[in-house]
Amino acid sequence: EIGSFGAVPAAVITAIVGLLMVSNLRYPSFKGVDFRGRVP
């Protein structure tokens, strides 16, 4: 049961995650991972 008390942090998280999408922060894409190569 979320209610108004739990809805506030949910709204903050939703907005922050949205802003992270338009930020200039660099996230690894993992596109350089060679799935055919050998790993430890």
PDB file of all heavy atoms in Angstrom:
ATOM      1  N   GLU A   1       0.858  -1.183   0.000  1.00  0.00           N
ATOM      2  CA  GLU A   1       0.000   0.000   0.000  1.00  0.00           C
ATOM      3  C   GLU A   1       0.895   1.234   0.000  1.00  0.00           C
ATOM      4  O   GLU A   1       1.580   1.512   0.977  1.00  0.00           O
ATOM      5  CB  GLU A   1      -0.916  -0.008   1.228  1.00  0.00           C
ATOM      6  CG  GLU A   1      -1.983  -1.081   1.204  1.00  0.00           C
ATOM      7  CD  GLU A   1      -3.018  -0.864   0.120  1.00  0.00           C
ATOM      8  OE1 GLU A   1      -3.200   0.304  -0.294  1.00  0.00           O
ATOM      9  OE2 GLU A   1      -3.618  -1.849  -0.323  1.00  0.00           O
ATOM     10  N   ILE A   2       0.882   1.983  -1.079  1.00  0.00           N
ATOM     11  CA  ILE A   2       1.792   3.122  -1.219  1.00  0.00           C
ATOM     12  C   ILE A   2       1.246   4.345  -0.493  1.00  0.00           C
ATOM     13  O   ILE A   2       1.836   4.863   0.442  1.00  0.00           O
ATOM     14  CB  ILE A   2       2.044   3.433  -2.700  1.00  0.00           C
ATOM     15  CG1 ILE A   2       2.656   2.215  -3.387  1.00  0.00           C
ATOM     16  CG2 ILE A   2       2.978   4.634  -2.822  1.00  0.00           C
ATOM     17  CD1 ILE A   2       3.969   1.763  -2.794  1.00  0.00           C
ATOM     18  N   GLY A   3       0.095   4.802  -0.935  1.00  0.00           N
ATOM     19  CA  GLY A   3      -0.476   5.997  -0.310  1.00  0.00           C
ATOM     20  C   GLY A   3       0.303   7.257  -0.668  1.00  0.00           C
ATOM     21  O   GLY A   3       1.290   7.219  -1.405  1.00  0.00           O
ATOM     22  N   SER A   4      -0.123   8.376  -0.121  1.00  0.00           N
ATOM     23  CA  SER A   4       0.527   9.655  -0.421  1.00  0.00           C
ATOM     24  C   SER A   4       1.945   9.714   0.119  1.00  0.00           C
ATOM     25  O   SER A   4       2.829  10.360  -0.468  1.00  0.00           O
ATOM     26  CB  SER A   4      -0.300  10.807   0.164  1.00  0.00           C
ATOM     27  OG  SER A   4      -1.599  10.826  -0.387  1.00  0.00           O
ATOM     28  N   PHE A   5       2.191   9.033   1.251  1.00  0.00           N
ATOM     29  CA  PHE A   5       3.530   9.068   1.839  1.00  0.00           C
ATOM     30  C   PHE A   5       4.554   8.392   0.926  1.00  0.00           C
ATOM     31  O   PHE A   5       5.652   8.897   0.725  1.00  0.00           O
ATOM     32  CB  PHE A   5       3.510   8.382   3.204  1.00  0.00           C
ATOM     33  CG  PHE A   5       4.844   8.370   3.893  1.00  0.00           C
ATOM     34  CD1 PHE A   5       5.327   9.507   4.511  1.00  0.00           C
ATOM     35  CD2 PHE A   5       5.623   7.225   3.896  1.00  0.00           C
ATOM     36  CE1 PHE A   5       6.569   9.501   5.146  1.00  0.00           C
ATOM     37  CE2 PHE A   5       6.857   7.201   4.529  1.00  0.00           C
ATOM     38  CZ  PHE A   5       7.335   8.347   5.151  1.00  0.00           C
ATOM     39  N   GLY A   6       4.208   7.268   0.360  1.00  0.00           N
ATOM     40  CA  GLY A   6       5.125   6.574  -0.535  1.00  0.00           C
ATOM     41  C   GLY A   6       5.146   7.160  -1.928  1.00  0.00           C
ATOM     42  O   GLY A   6       6.102   6.947  -2.687  1.00  0.00           O
ATOM     43  N   ALA A   7       4.100   7.893  -2.309  1.00  0.00           N
ATOM     44  CA  ALA A   7       4.042   8.471  -3.650  1.00  0.00           C
ATOM     45  C   ALA A   7       5.054   9.588  -3.840  1.00  0.00           C
ATOM     46  O   ALA A   7       5.523   9.822  -4.953  1.00  0.00           O
ATOM     47  CB  ALA A   7       2.633   8.989  -3.930  1.00  0.00           C
ATOM     48  N   VAL A   8       5.407  10.289  -2.762  1.00  0.00           N
ATOM     49  CA  VAL A   8       6.360  11.402  -2.877  1.00  0.00           C
ATOM     50  C   VAL A   8       7.737  10.917  -3.318  1.00  0.00           C
ATOM     51  O   VAL A   8       8.287  11.428  -4.307  1.00  0.00           O
ATOM     52  CB  VAL A   8       6.436  12.185  -1.548  1.00  0.00           C
ATOM     53  CG1 VAL A   8       7.547  13.234  -1.612  1.00  0.00           C
ATOM     54  CG2 VAL A   8       5.100  12.844  -1.242  1.00  0.00           C
ATOM     55  N   PRO A   9       8.350   9.947  -2.626  1.00  0.00           N
ATOM     56  CA  PRO A   9       9.637   9.458  -3.129  1.00  0.00           C
ATOM     57  C   PRO A   9       9.529   8.816  -4.508  1.00  0.00           C
ATOM     58  O   PRO A   9      10.472   8.881  -5.304  1.00  0.00           O
ATOM     59  CB  PRO A   9      10.072   8.442  -2.073  1.00  0.00           C
ATOM     60  CG  PRO A   9       8.859   8.098  -1.311  1.00  0.00           C
ATOM     61  CD  PRO A   9       7.996   9.311  -1.350  1.00  0.00           C
ATOM     62  N   ALA A  10       8.390   8.190  -4.824  1.00  0.00           N
ATOM     63  CA  ALA A  10       8.206   7.614  -6.158  1.00  0.00           C
ATOM     64  C   ALA A  10       8.232   8.706  -7.225  1.00  0.00           C
ATOM     65  O   ALA A  10       8.822   8.534  -8.296  1.00  0.00           O
ATOM     66  CB  ALA A  10       6.895   6.843  -6.225  1.00  0.00           C
ATOM     67  N   ALA A  11       7.612   9.852  -6.933  1.00  0.00           N
ATOM     68  CA  ALA A  11       7.616  10.963  -7.883  1.00  0.00           C
ATOM     69  C   ALA A  11       9.020  11.545  -8.038  1.00  0.00           C
ATOM     70  O   ALA A  11       9.448  11.873  -9.154  1.00  0.00           O
ATOM     71  CB  ALA A  11       6.644  12.048  -7.412  1.00  0.00           C
ATOM     72  N   VAL A  12       9.739  11.665  -6.927  1.00  0.00           N
ATOM     73  CA  VAL A  12      11.106  12.203  -6.992  1.00  0.00           C
ATOM     74  C   VAL A  12      11.998  11.280  -7.808  1.00  0.00           C
ATOM     75  O   VAL A  12      12.783  11.734  -8.658  1.00  0.00           O
ATOM     76  CB  VAL A  12      11.667  12.388  -5.566  1.00  0.00           C
ATOM     77  CG1 VAL A  12      13.141  12.780  -5.625  1.00  0.00           C
ATOM     78  CG2 VAL A  12      10.866  13.444  -4.819  1.00  0.00           C
ATOM     79  N   ILE A  13      11.893   9.978  -7.569  1.00  0.00           N
ATOM     80  CA  ILE A  13      12.705   9.012  -8.319  1.00  0.00           C
ATOM     81  C   ILE A  13      12.360   9.066  -9.800  1.00  0.00           C
ATOM     82  O   ILE A  13      13.250   9.039 -10.661  1.00  0.00           O
ATOM     83  CB  ILE A  13      12.488   7.601  -7.757  1.00  0.00           C
ATOM     84  CG1 ILE A  13      13.078   7.494  -6.352  1.00  0.00           C
ATOM     85  CG2 ILE A  13      13.118   6.547  -8.671  1.00  0.00           C
ATOM     86  CD1 ILE A  13      12.753   6.186  -5.654  1.00  0.00           C
ATOM     87  N   THR A  14      11.070   9.148 -10.121  1.00  0.00           N
ATOM     88  CA  THR A  14      10.650   9.209 -11.523  1.00  0.00           C
ATOM     89  C   THR A  14      11.243  10.415 -12.227  1.00  0.00           C
ATOM     90  O   THR A  14      11.759  10.313 -13.357  1.00  0.00           O
ATOM     91  CB  THR A  14       9.117   9.246 -11.611  1.00  0.00           C
ATOM     92  OG1 THR A  14       8.570   8.083 -10.964  1.00  0.00           O
ATOM     93  CG2 THR A  14       8.657   9.282 -13.052  1.00  0.00           C
ATOM     94  N   ALA A  15      11.188  11.570 -11.577  1.00  0.00           N
ATOM     95  CA  ALA A  15      11.725  12.791 -12.191  1.00  0.00           C
ATOM     96  C   ALA A  15      13.244  12.724 -12.312  1.00  0.00           C
ATOM     97  O   ALA A  15      13.816  13.120 -13.342  1.00  0.00           O
ATOM     98  CB  ALA A  15      11.308  14.005 -11.363  1.00  0.00           C
ATOM     99  N   ILE A  16      13.924  12.215 -11.287  1.00  0.00           N
ATOM    100  CA  ILE A  16      15.388  12.138 -11.320  1.00  0.00           C
ATOM    101  C   ILE A  16      15.862  11.189 -12.415  1.00  0.00           C
ATOM    102  O   ILE A  16      16.802  11.497 -13.170  1.00  0.00           O
ATOM    103  CB  ILE A  16      15.930  11.695  -9.952  1.00  0.00           C
ATOM    104  CG1 ILE A  16      15.736  12.809  -8.923  1.00  0.00           C
ATOM    105  CG2 ILE A  16      17.408  11.324 -10.051  1.00  0.00           C
ATOM    106  CD1 ILE A  16      16.174  12.440  -7.522  1.00  0.00           C
ATOM    107  N   VAL A  17      15.207  10.038 -12.540  1.00  0.00           N
ATOM    108  CA  VAL A  17      15.579   9.099 -13.598  1.00  0.00           C
ATOM    109  C   VAL A  17      15.368   9.739 -14.971  1.00  0.00           C
ATOM    110  O   VAL A  17      16.179   9.555 -15.899  1.00  0.00           O
ATOM    111  CB  VAL A  17      14.763   7.798 -13.463  1.00  0.00           C
ATOM    112  CG1 VAL A  17      14.999   6.888 -14.663  1.00  0.00           C
ATOM    113  CG2 VAL A  17      15.135   7.069 -12.189  1.00  0.00           C
ATOM    114  N   GLY A  18      14.295  10.506 -15.115  1.00  0.00           N
ATOM    115  CA  GLY A  18      14.074  11.213 -16.371  1.00  0.00           C
ATOM    116  C   GLY A  18      15.180  12.208 -16.667  1.00  0.00           C
ATOM    117  O   GLY A  18      15.673  12.294 -17.801  1.00  0.00           O
ATOM    118  N   LEU A  19      15.595  12.965 -15.658  1.00  0.00           N
ATOM    119  CA  LEU A  19      16.655  13.954 -15.859  1.00  0.00           C
ATOM    120  C   LEU A  19      17.997  13.291 -16.154  1.00  0.00           C
ATOM    121  O   LEU A  19      18.826  13.850 -16.880  1.00  0.00           O
ATOM    122  CB  LEU A  19      16.765  14.847 -14.623  1.00  0.00           C
ATOM    123  CG  LEU A  19      15.549  15.750 -14.355  1.00  0.00           C
ATOM    124  CD1 LEU A  19      15.736  16.503 -13.041  1.00  0.00           C
ATOM    125  CD2 LEU A  19      15.336  16.731 -15.503  1.00  0.00           C
ATOM    126  N   LEU A  20      18.227  12.105 -15.603  1.00  0.00           N
ATOM    127  CA  LEU A  20      19.467  11.385 -15.911  1.00  0.00           C
ATOM    128  C   LEU A  20      19.543  11.031 -17.395  1.00  0.00           C
ATOM    129  O   LEU A  20      20.636  10.964 -17.964  1.00  0.00           O
ATOM    130  CB  LEU A  20      19.560  10.116 -15.067  1.00  0.00           C
ATOM    131  CG  LEU A  20      19.927  10.292 -13.590  1.00  0.00           C
ATOM    132  CD1 LEU A  20      19.885   8.949 -12.871  1.00  0.00           C
ATOM    133  CD2 LEU A  20      21.314  10.924 -13.447  1.00  0.00           C
ATOM    134  N   MET A  21      18.393  10.814 -18.023  1.00  0.00           N
ATOM    135  CA  MET A  21      18.400  10.479 -19.449  1.00  0.00           C
ATOM    136  C   MET A  21      18.883  11.638 -20.311  1.00  0.00           C
ATOM    137  O   MET A  21      19.487  11.426 -21.372  1.00  0.00           O
ATOM    138  CB  MET A  21      17.005  10.037 -19.897  1.00  0.00           C
ATOM    139  CG  MET A  21      16.634   8.641 -19.453  1.00  0.00           C
ATOM    140  SD  MET A  21      15.131   8.022 -20.237  1.00  0.00           S
ATOM    141  CE  MET A  21      13.887   8.906 -19.296  1.00  0.00           C
ATOM    142  N   VAL A  22      18.621  12.869 -19.911  1.00  0.00           N
ATOM    143  CA  VAL A  22      19.029  14.024 -20.719  1.00  0.00           C
ATOM    144  C   VAL A  22      20.301  14.671 -20.178  1.00  0.00           C
ATOM    145  O   VAL A  22      20.685  15.755 -20.615  1.00  0.00           O
ATOM    146  CB  VAL A  22      17.899  15.065 -20.786  1.00  0.00           C
ATOM    147  CG1 VAL A  22      16.695  14.501 -21.531  1.00  0.00           C
ATOM    148  CG2 VAL A  22      17.490  15.521 -19.384  1.00  0.00           C
ATOM    149  N   SER A  23      20.938  14.029 -19.214  1.00  0.00           N
ATOM    150  CA  SER A  23      22.190  14.557 -18.678  1.00  0.00           C
ATOM    151  C   SER A  23      23.334  14.266 -19.646  1.00  0.00           C
ATOM    152  O   SER A  23      23.174  13.529 -20.634  1.00  0.00           O
ATOM    153  CB  SER A  23      22.494  13.933 -17.310  1.00  0.00           C
ATOM    154  OG  SER A  23      22.799  12.551 -17.464  1.00  0.00           O
ATOM    155  N   ASN A  24      24.503  14.825 -19.355  1.00  0.00           N
ATOM    156  CA  ASN A  24      25.703  14.571 -20.145  1.00  0.00           C
ATOM    157  C   ASN A  24      26.610  13.529 -19.486  1.00  0.00           C
ATOM    158  O   ASN A  24      27.766  13.380 -19.885  1.00  0.00           O
ATOM    159  CB  ASN A  24      26.483  15.870 -20.373  1.00  0.00           C
ATOM    160  CG  ASN A  24      25.773  16.794 -21.340  1.00  0.00           C
ATOM    161  OD1 ASN A  24      25.133  16.353 -22.290  1.00  0.00           O
ATOM    162  ND2 ASN A  24      25.862  18.093 -21.087  1.00  0.00           N
ATOM    163  N   LEU A  25      26.092  12.830 -18.487  1.00  0.00           N
ATOM    164  CA  LEU A  25      26.866  11.782 -17.829  1.00  0.00           C
ATOM    165  C   LEU A  25      27.086  10.620 -18.793  1.00  0.00           C
ATOM    166  O   LEU A  25      26.213  10.288 -19.595  1.00  0.00           O
ATOM    167  CB  LEU A  25      26.137  11.288 -16.583  1.00  0.00           C
ATOM    168  CG  LEU A  25      25.923  12.337 -15.482  1.00  0.00           C
ATOM    169  CD1 LEU A  25      25.018  11.789 -14.387  1.00  0.00           C
ATOM    170  CD2 LEU A  25      27.256  12.774 -14.887  1.00  0.00           C
ATOM    171  N   ARG A  26      28.252  10.002 -18.704  1.00  0.00           N
ATOM    172  CA  ARG A  26      28.624   8.926 -19.614  1.00  0.00           C
ATOM    173  C   ARG A  26      28.408   7.568 -18.939  1.00  0.00           C
ATOM    174  O   ARG A  26      28.971   7.299 -17.878  1.00  0.00           O
ATOM    175  CB  ARG A  26      30.086   9.081 -20.049  1.00  0.00           C
ATOM    176  CG  ARG A  26      30.301  10.244 -20.997  1.00  0.00           C
ATOM    177  CD  ARG A  26      31.772  10.690 -21.011  1.00  0.00           C
ATOM    178  NE  ARG A  26      32.654   9.619 -21.427  1.00  0.00           N
ATOM    179  CZ  ARG A  26      33.020   9.382 -22.690  1.00  0.00           C
ATOM    180  NH1 ARG A  26      32.549  10.163 -23.649  1.00  0.00           N
ATOM    181  NH2 ARG A  26      33.855   8.407 -22.992  1.00  0.00           N
ATOM    182  N   TYR A  27      27.584   6.748 -19.571  1.00  0.00           N
ATOM    183  CA  TYR A  27      27.308   5.400 -19.101  1.00  0.00           C
ATOM    184  C   TYR A  27      27.936   4.388 -20.062  1.00  0.00           C
ATOM    185  O   TYR A  27      27.876   4.579 -21.283  1.00  0.00           O
ATOM    186  CB  TYR A  27      25.799   5.147 -19.041  1.00  0.00           C
ATOM    187  CG  TYR A  27      25.089   5.843 -17.907  1.00  0.00           C
ATOM    188  CD1 TYR A  27      24.633   7.156 -18.041  1.00  0.00           C
ATOM    189  CD2 TYR A  27      24.867   5.192 -16.701  1.00  0.00           C
ATOM    190  CE1 TYR A  27      23.974   7.791 -17.005  1.00  0.00           C
ATOM    191  CE2 TYR A  27      24.200   5.825 -15.658  1.00  0.00           C
ATOM    192  CZ  TYR A  27      23.761   7.124 -15.819  1.00  0.00           C
ATOM    193  OH  TYR A  27      23.107   7.758 -14.786  1.00  0.00           O
ATOM    194  N   PRO A  28      28.509   3.322 -19.558  1.00  0.00           N
ATOM    195  CA  PRO A  28      29.060   2.289 -20.450  1.00  0.00           C
ATOM    196  C   PRO A  28      27.945   1.619 -21.239  1.00  0.00           C
ATOM    197  O   PRO A  28      26.887   1.301 -20.695  1.00  0.00           O
ATOM    198  CB  PRO A  28      29.742   1.312 -19.489  1.00  0.00           C
ATOM    199  CG  PRO A  28      29.073   1.543 -18.163  1.00  0.00           C
ATOM    200  CD  PRO A  28      28.711   3.000 -18.131  1.00  0.00           C
ATOM    201  N   SER A  29      28.174   1.425 -22.536  1.00  0.00           N
ATOM    202  CA  SER A  29      27.164   0.811 -23.401  1.00  0.00           C
ATOM    203  C   SER A  29      27.343  -0.690 -23.539  1.00  0.00           C
ATOM    204  O   SER A  29      26.432  -1.377 -24.008  1.00  0.00           O
ATOM    205  CB  SER A  29      27.217   1.438 -24.794  1.00  0.00           C
ATOM    206  OG  SER A  29      28.470   1.163 -25.413  1.00  0.00           O
ATOM    207  N   PHE A  30      28.525  -1.201 -23.164  1.00  0.00           N
ATOM    208  CA  PHE A  30      28.858  -2.624 -23.266  1.00  0.00           C
ATOM    209  C   PHE A  30      28.807  -3.130 -24.711  1.00  0.00           C
ATOM    210  O   PHE A  30      28.720  -4.338 -24.943  1.00  0.00           O
ATOM    211  CB  PHE A  30      27.915  -3.473 -22.397  1.00  0.00           C
ATOM    212  CG  PHE A  30      27.908  -3.085 -20.949  1.00  0.00           C
ATOM    213  CD1 PHE A  30      26.809  -2.452 -20.392  1.00  0.00           C
ATOM    214  CD2 PHE A  30      29.013  -3.332 -20.146  1.00  0.00           C
ATOM    215  CE1 PHE A  30      26.795  -2.089 -19.060  1.00  0.00           C
ATOM    216  CE2 PHE A  30      29.005  -2.970 -18.807  1.00  0.00           C
ATOM    217  CZ  PHE A  30      27.904  -2.348 -18.261  1.00  0.00           C
ATOM    218  N   LYS A  31      28.851  -2.200 -25.679  1.00  0.00           N
ATOM    219  CA  LYS A  31      28.847  -2.618 -27.081  1.00  0.00           C
ATOM    220  C   LYS A  31      30.205  -3.148 -27.522  1.00  0.00           C
ATOM    221  O   LYS A  31      30.296  -3.790 -28.557  1.00  0.00           O
ATOM    222  CB  LYS A  31      28.428  -1.446 -27.974  1.00  0.00           C
ATOM    223  CG  LYS A  31      26.974  -1.036 -27.810  1.00  0.00           C
ATOM    224  CD  LYS A  31      26.591   0.064 -28.765  1.00  0.00           C
ATOM    225  CE  LYS A  31      25.114   0.424 -28.622  1.00  0.00           C
ATOM    226  NZ  LYS A  31      24.705   1.506 -29.561  1.00  0.00           N
ATOM    227  N   GLY A  32      31.244  -2.863 -26.727  1.00  0.00           N
ATOM    228  CA  GLY A  32      32.566  -3.355 -27.086  1.00  0.00           C
ATOM    229  C   GLY A  32      32.879  -4.732 -26.533  1.00  0.00           C
ATOM    230  O   GLY A  32      33.977  -5.254 -26.752  1.00  0.00           O
ATOM    231  N   VAL A  33      31.902  -5.328 -25.826  1.00  0.00           N
ATOM    232  CA  VAL A  33      32.133  -6.652 -25.250  1.00  0.00           C
ATOM    233  C   VAL A  33      32.142  -7.696 -26.367  1.00  0.00           C
ATOM    234  O   VAL A  33      31.209  -7.755 -27.190  1.00  0.00           O
ATOM    235  CB  VAL A  33      31.052  -6.992 -24.210  1.00  0.00           C
ATOM    236  CG1 VAL A  33      31.263  -8.400 -23.667  1.00  0.00           C
ATOM    237  CG2 VAL A  33      31.065  -5.968 -23.088  1.00  0.00           C
ATOM    238  N   ASP A  34      33.177  -8.498 -26.407  1.00  0.00           N
ATOM    239  CA  ASP A  34      33.304  -9.549 -27.405  1.00  0.00           C
ATOM    240  C   ASP A  34      32.767 -10.855 -26.821  1.00  0.00           C
ATOM    241  O   ASP A  34      33.443 -11.528 -26.042  1.00  0.00           O
ATOM    242  CB  ASP A  34      34.767  -9.708 -27.837  1.00  0.00           C
ATOM    243  CG  ASP A  34      34.934 -10.731 -28.950  1.00  0.00           C
ATOM    244  OD1 ASP A  34      33.898 -11.164 -29.519  1.00  0.00           O
ATOM    245  OD2 ASP A  34      36.082 -11.096 -29.264  1.00  0.00           O
ATOM    246  N   PHE A  35      31.538 -11.202 -27.202  1.00  0.00           N
ATOM    247  CA  PHE A  35      30.914 -12.402 -26.657  1.00  0.00           C
ATOM    248  C   PHE A  35      31.495 -13.679 -27.264  1.00  0.00           C
ATOM    249  O   PHE A  35      31.247 -14.769 -26.759  1.00  0.00           O
ATOM    250  CB  PHE A  35      29.398 -12.361 -26.887  1.00  0.00           C
ATOM    251  CG  PHE A  35      28.694 -11.319 -26.071  1.00  0.00           C
ATOM    252  CD1 PHE A  35      28.379 -10.079 -26.616  1.00  0.00           C
ATOM    253  CD2 PHE A  35      28.355 -11.563 -24.757  1.00  0.00           C
ATOM    254  CE1 PHE A  35      27.732  -9.118 -25.860  1.00  0.00           C
ATOM    255  CE2 PHE A  35      27.701 -10.602 -23.985  1.00  0.00           C
ATOM    256  CZ  PHE A  35      27.402  -9.381 -24.552  1.00  0.00           C
ATOM    257  N   ARG A  36      32.256 -13.548 -28.341  1.00  0.00           N
ATOM    258  CA  ARG A  36      32.874 -14.724 -28.955  1.00  0.00           C
ATOM    259  C   ARG A  36      34.281 -14.982 -28.422  1.00  0.00           C
ATOM    260  O   ARG A  36      34.867 -16.020 -28.701  1.00  0.00           O
ATOM    261  CB  ARG A  36      32.933 -14.541 -30.475  1.00  0.00           C
ATOM    262  CG  ARG A  36      31.564 -14.482 -31.150  1.00  0.00           C
ATOM    263  CD  ARG A  36      31.686 -14.173 -32.609  1.00  0.00           C
ATOM    264  NE  ARG A  36      32.269 -12.854 -32.832  1.00  0.00           N
ATOM    265  CZ  ARG A  36      32.479 -12.323 -34.031  1.00  0.00           C
ATOM    266  NH1 ARG A  36      32.166 -13.024 -35.116  1.00  0.00           N
ATOM    267  NH2 ARG A  36      33.004 -11.126 -34.152  1.00  0.00           N
ATOM    268  N   GLY A  37      34.821 -14.021 -27.670  1.00  0.00           N
ATOM    269  CA  GLY A  37      36.172 -14.170 -27.155  1.00  0.00           C
ATOM    270  C   GLY A  37      36.205 -14.963 -25.853  1.00  0.00           C
ATOM    271  O   GLY A  37      35.177 -15.339 -25.283  1.00  0.00           O
ATOM    272  N   ARG A  38      37.415 -15.195 -25.365  1.00  0.00           N
ATOM    273  CA  ARG A  38      37.613 -15.926 -24.117  1.00  0.00           C
ATOM    274  C   ARG A  38      37.609 -14.958 -22.929  1.00  0.00           C
ATOM    275  O   ARG A  38      38.060 -13.825 -23.056  1.00  0.00           O
ATOM    276  CB  ARG A  38      38.938 -16.695 -24.156  1.00  0.00           C
ATOM    277  CG  ARG A  38      38.942 -17.844 -25.153  1.00  0.00           C
ATOM    278  CD  ARG A  38      40.287 -18.547 -25.157  1.00  0.00           C
ATOM    279  NE  ARG A  38      40.289 -19.704 -26.039  1.00  0.00           N
ATOM    280  CZ  ARG A  38      39.938 -20.931 -25.665  1.00  0.00           C
ATOM    281  NH1 ARG A  38      39.587 -21.158 -24.402  1.00  0.00           N
ATOM    282  NH2 ARG A  38      39.945 -21.929 -26.522  1.00  0.00           N
ATOM    283  N   VAL A  39      37.102 -15.429 -21.807  1.00  0.00           N
ATOM    284  CA  VAL A  39      37.052 -14.629 -20.584  1.00  0.00           C
ATOM    285  C   VAL A  39      37.612 -15.477 -19.449  1.00  0.00           C
ATOM    286  O   VAL A  39      37.650 -16.719 -19.538  1.00  0.00           O
ATOM    287  CB  VAL A  39      35.602 -14.193 -20.243  1.00  0.00           C
ATOM    288  CG1 VAL A  39      35.054 -13.273 -21.313  1.00  0.00           C
ATOM    289  CG2 VAL A  39      34.701 -15.417 -20.079  1.00  0.00           C
ATOM    290  N   PRO A  40      38.052 -14.846 -18.358  1.00  0.00           N
ATOM    291  CA  PRO A  40      38.516 -15.629 -17.202  1.00  0.00           C
ATOM    292  C   PRO A  40      37.416 -16.530 -16.664  1.00  0.00           C
ATOM    293  O   PRO A  40      36.220 -16.212 -16.747  1.00  0.00           O
ATOM    294  CB  PRO A  40      38.903 -14.549 -16.185  1.00  0.00           C
ATOM    295  CG  PRO A  40      39.184 -13.339 -17.007  1.00  0.00           C
ATOM    296  CD  PRO A  40      38.255 -13.398 -18.178  1.00  0.00           C
TER     297      PRO A  40
END
